[in-house]
Amino acid sequence: MMYVFICPKCGHTRMVSLLRELTCTRCNSAMANCEIDFLDWVDLGLKEREKLIHFYQQADPKDLCFYRPMPFYDHWERGYW
């Protein structure tokens, strides 16, 4: 399962599958877990993505989720192997 993270400071986006929390590669600040599903993100147009990134940049950091929920099948993070 893929997840989308957005940096609320600079607007940089990353798509990851295993990492639970991310640091922005541009500005070294914590990245917020985007609440939109990866497949929905792929279907968004450029203007819609920019609008969503702008929303995250304007949001109060207290309202953002910087950790993604851990699904039951995420064995790597639970140390099963």
N, C-alpha and C. Protein backbone atom coordinates (compact mmCIF):
# COMPACT_ATOMS: atom_id res chain seq x y z
N MET A 1 0.84 -1.18 0.00
CA MET A 1 0.00 0.00 0.00
C MET A 1 0.89 1.24 0.00
N MET A 2 0.55 2.18 -0.83
CA MET A 2 1.32 3.41 -0.96
C MET A 2 0.65 4.54 -0.18
N TYR A 3 1.48 5.43 0.35
CA TYR A 3 1.00 6.58 1.12
C TYR A 3 1.61 7.85 0.57
N VAL A 4 0.88 8.93 0.67
CA VAL A 4 1.34 10.24 0.20
C VAL A 4 1.64 11.10 1.42
N PHE A 5 2.82 11.71 1.44
CA PHE A 5 3.21 12.64 2.50
C PHE A 5 3.48 14.00 1.86
N ILE A 6 3.08 15.06 2.56
CA ILE A 6 3.27 16.43 2.10
C ILE A 6 4.00 17.21 3.18
N CYS A 7 5.01 17.97 2.78
CA CYS A 7 5.72 18.82 3.73
C CYS A 7 4.92 20.11 3.90
N PRO A 8 4.46 20.39 5.12
CA PRO A 8 3.68 21.62 5.32
C PRO A 8 4.52 22.89 5.26
N LYS A 9 5.83 22.74 5.30
CA LYS A 9 6.70 23.91 5.27
C LYS A 9 7.02 24.35 3.83
N CYS A 10 7.47 23.39 2.98
CA CYS A 10 7.89 23.77 1.62
C CYS A 10 6.99 23.21 0.52
N GLY A 11 6.08 22.27 0.86
CA GLY A 11 5.16 21.74 -0.13
C GLY A 11 5.67 20.54 -0.91
N HIS A 12 6.83 20.03 -0.55
CA HIS A 12 7.40 18.85 -1.24
C HIS A 12 6.54 17.62 -0.93
N THR A 13 6.34 16.76 -1.92
CA THR A 13 5.55 15.55 -1.72
C THR A 13 6.41 14.32 -1.95
N ARG A 14 6.07 13.25 -1.22
CA ARG A 14 6.74 11.96 -1.40
C ARG A 14 5.70 10.85 -1.29
N MET A 15 5.93 9.79 -2.05
CA MET A 15 5.08 8.60 -1.98
C MET A 15 5.96 7.47 -1.46
N VAL A 16 5.49 6.81 -0.40
CA VAL A 16 6.26 5.72 0.21
C VAL A 16 5.33 4.55 0.50
N SER A 17 5.93 3.39 0.76
CA SER A 17 5.12 2.23 1.08
C SER A 17 5.37 1.72 2.50
N LEU A 18 6.60 1.76 2.98
CA LEU A 18 6.89 1.16 4.27
C LEU A 18 7.11 2.16 5.40
N LEU A 19 7.63 3.32 5.11
CA LEU A 19 7.98 4.26 6.16
C LEU A 19 6.75 4.82 6.85
N ARG A 20 6.84 4.96 8.16
CA ARG A 20 5.70 5.45 8.93
C ARG A 20 5.78 6.95 9.17
N GLU A 21 6.99 7.49 9.24
CA GLU A 21 7.16 8.93 9.38
C GLU A 21 8.30 9.35 8.47
N LEU A 22 8.22 10.58 7.99
CA LEU A 22 9.21 11.06 7.02
C LEU A 22 9.72 12.44 7.39
N THR A 23 10.95 12.68 7.01
CA THR A 23 11.54 14.00 7.08
C THR A 23 11.71 14.49 5.65
N CYS A 24 11.38 15.72 5.43
CA CYS A 24 11.46 16.30 4.09
C CYS A 24 12.92 16.32 3.62
N THR A 25 13.14 15.90 2.38
CA THR A 25 14.49 15.90 1.82
C THR A 25 14.93 17.29 1.38
N ARG A 26 14.02 18.23 1.31
CA ARG A 26 14.37 19.60 0.92
C ARG A 26 14.66 20.50 2.11
N CYS A 27 13.80 20.44 3.14
CA CYS A 27 13.94 21.39 4.25
C CYS A 27 14.13 20.73 5.62
N ASN A 28 14.18 19.41 5.68
CA ASN A 28 14.42 18.65 6.91
C ASN A 28 13.34 18.84 7.98
N SER A 29 12.14 19.20 7.60
CA SER A 29 11.06 19.27 8.58
C SER A 29 10.18 18.02 8.44
N ALA A 30 9.36 17.77 9.44
CA ALA A 30 8.49 16.60 9.43
C ALA A 30 7.43 16.73 8.34
N MET A 31 7.16 15.62 7.67
CA MET A 31 6.15 15.61 6.61
C MET A 31 4.84 15.07 7.15
N ALA A 32 3.73 15.62 6.69
CA ALA A 32 2.40 15.22 7.14
C ALA A 32 1.84 14.13 6.23
N ASN A 33 1.17 13.17 6.83
CA ASN A 33 0.51 12.11 6.08
C ASN A 33 -0.73 12.70 5.42
N CYS A 34 -0.78 12.66 4.11
CA CYS A 34 -1.92 13.16 3.37
C CYS A 34 -3.11 12.22 3.57
N GLU A 35 -4.25 12.78 3.83
CA GLU A 35 -5.42 11.96 4.12
C GLU A 35 -6.08 11.39 2.87
N ILE A 36 -5.59 11.76 1.72
CA ILE A 36 -6.16 11.25 0.48
C ILE A 36 -5.43 9.95 0.11
N ASP A 37 -6.16 9.01 -0.44
CA ASP A 37 -5.59 7.73 -0.85
C ASP A 37 -4.65 7.93 -2.04
N PHE A 38 -3.63 7.08 -2.14
CA PHE A 38 -2.65 7.19 -3.21
C PHE A 38 -3.29 7.13 -4.59
N LEU A 39 -4.23 6.22 -4.80
CA LEU A 39 -4.87 6.10 -6.11
C LEU A 39 -5.68 7.35 -6.44
N ASP A 40 -6.29 7.97 -5.44
CA ASP A 40 -7.00 9.23 -5.66
C ASP A 40 -6.01 10.35 -5.97
N TRP A 41 -4.83 10.32 -5.32
CA TRP A 41 -3.79 11.32 -5.58
C TRP A 41 -3.33 11.24 -7.04
N VAL A 42 -3.16 10.02 -7.53
CA VAL A 42 -2.71 9.82 -8.91
C VAL A 42 -3.75 10.37 -9.89
N ASP A 43 -5.02 10.25 -9.55
CA ASP A 43 -6.09 10.72 -10.43
C ASP A 43 -6.27 12.24 -10.40
N LEU A 44 -5.69 12.91 -9.41
CA LEU A 44 -5.83 14.37 -9.33
C LEU A 44 -5.04 15.05 -10.44
N GLY A 45 -5.55 16.15 -10.90
CA GLY A 45 -4.83 16.97 -11.87
C GLY A 45 -3.81 17.85 -11.16
N LEU A 46 -2.96 18.51 -11.91
CA LEU A 46 -1.91 19.35 -11.35
C LEU A 46 -2.48 20.46 -10.47
N LYS A 47 -3.53 21.13 -10.95
CA LYS A 47 -4.14 22.22 -10.18
C LYS A 47 -4.74 21.71 -8.86
N GLU A 48 -5.37 20.54 -8.91
CA GLU A 48 -5.97 19.97 -7.69
C GLU A 48 -4.89 19.59 -6.68
N ARG A 49 -3.78 19.04 -7.17
CA ARG A 49 -2.66 18.70 -6.27
C ARG A 49 -2.08 19.95 -5.64
N GLU A 50 -1.88 20.98 -6.44
CA GLU A 50 -1.36 22.25 -5.91
C GLU A 50 -2.29 22.84 -4.86
N LYS A 51 -3.59 22.71 -5.09
CA LYS A 51 -4.58 23.21 -4.13
C LYS A 51 -4.49 22.45 -2.81
N LEU A 52 -4.32 21.13 -2.90
CA LEU A 52 -4.21 20.31 -1.70
C LEU A 52 -2.91 20.60 -0.96
N ILE A 53 -1.81 20.78 -1.69
CA ILE A 53 -0.52 21.13 -1.07
C ILE A 53 -0.63 22.48 -0.37
N HIS A 54 -1.26 23.43 -1.01
CA HIS A 54 -1.46 24.75 -0.41
C HIS A 54 -2.31 24.64 0.87
N PHE A 55 -3.31 23.77 0.86
CA PHE A 55 -4.14 23.55 2.04
C PHE A 55 -3.28 23.05 3.21
N TYR A 56 -2.38 22.12 2.94
CA TYR A 56 -1.51 21.59 3.99
C TYR A 56 -0.52 22.63 4.48
N GLN A 57 -0.08 23.52 3.59
CA GLN A 57 0.84 24.58 4.00
C GLN A 57 0.14 25.62 4.88
N GLN A 58 -1.15 25.83 4.66
CA GLN A 58 -1.89 26.82 5.43
C GLN A 58 -2.47 26.25 6.73
N ALA A 59 -2.49 24.92 6.86
CA ALA A 59 -3.11 24.27 8.02
C ALA A 59 -2.27 24.46 9.28
N ASP A 60 -2.93 24.43 10.42
CA ASP A 60 -2.26 24.47 11.71
C ASP A 60 -1.56 23.13 11.93
N PRO A 61 -0.26 23.12 12.26
CA PRO A 61 0.44 21.85 12.45
C PRO A 61 -0.19 20.94 13.51
N LYS A 62 -0.91 21.52 14.45
CA LYS A 62 -1.57 20.69 15.46
C LYS A 62 -2.67 19.83 14.86
N ASP A 63 -3.20 20.25 13.72
CA ASP A 63 -4.29 19.52 13.08
C ASP A 63 -3.80 18.47 12.08
N LEU A 64 -2.50 18.43 11.81
CA LEU A 64 -1.97 17.50 10.83
C LEU A 64 -1.48 16.22 11.49
N CYS A 65 -1.53 15.13 10.76
CA CYS A 65 -1.06 13.83 11.23
C CYS A 65 0.33 13.59 10.63
N PHE A 66 1.34 13.49 11.49
CA PHE A 66 2.70 13.29 11.00
C PHE A 66 3.10 11.82 10.99
N TYR A 67 2.22 10.95 11.45
CA TYR A 67 2.44 9.51 11.39
C TYR A 67 1.28 8.89 10.65
N ARG A 68 1.57 7.92 9.82
CA ARG A 68 0.47 7.24 9.14
C ARG A 68 0.01 6.10 10.03
N PRO A 69 -1.24 5.71 9.95
CA PRO A 69 -1.72 4.58 10.72
C PRO A 69 -1.01 3.30 10.31
N MET A 70 -0.68 2.47 11.28
CA MET A 70 0.03 1.24 10.97
C MET A 70 -0.96 0.12 10.69
N PRO A 71 -1.02 -0.36 9.44
CA PRO A 71 -1.94 -1.45 9.13
C PRO A 71 -1.47 -2.77 9.74
N PHE A 72 -2.38 -3.67 9.89
CA PHE A 72 -2.06 -4.95 10.53
C PHE A 72 -1.06 -5.77 9.76
N TYR A 73 -0.93 -5.53 8.46
CA TYR A 73 -0.04 -6.34 7.63
C TYR A 73 1.34 -5.73 7.48
N ASP A 74 1.66 -4.69 8.20
CA ASP A 74 2.95 -4.03 8.07
C ASP A 74 3.98 -4.74 8.95
N HIS A 75 4.48 -5.88 8.50
CA HIS A 75 5.37 -6.71 9.29
C HIS A 75 6.73 -6.07 9.52
N TRP A 76 7.20 -5.30 8.57
CA TRP A 76 8.53 -4.71 8.68
C TRP A 76 8.66 -3.83 9.92
N GLU A 77 7.67 -2.98 10.17
CA GLU A 77 7.74 -2.07 11.31
C GLU A 77 7.52 -2.78 12.64
N ARG A 78 6.84 -3.88 12.63
CA ARG A 78 6.59 -4.61 13.87
C ARG A 78 7.72 -5.57 14.20
N GLY A 79 8.69 -5.70 13.33
CA GLY A 79 9.84 -6.54 13.59
C GLY A 79 9.56 -8.03 13.43
N TYR A 80 8.64 -8.39 12.56
CA TYR A 80 8.34 -9.81 12.34
C TYR A 80 9.40 -10.49 11.49
N TRP A 81 10.20 -9.69 10.77
CA TRP A 81 11.29 -10.26 10.01
C TRP A 81 12.47 -9.35 9.99
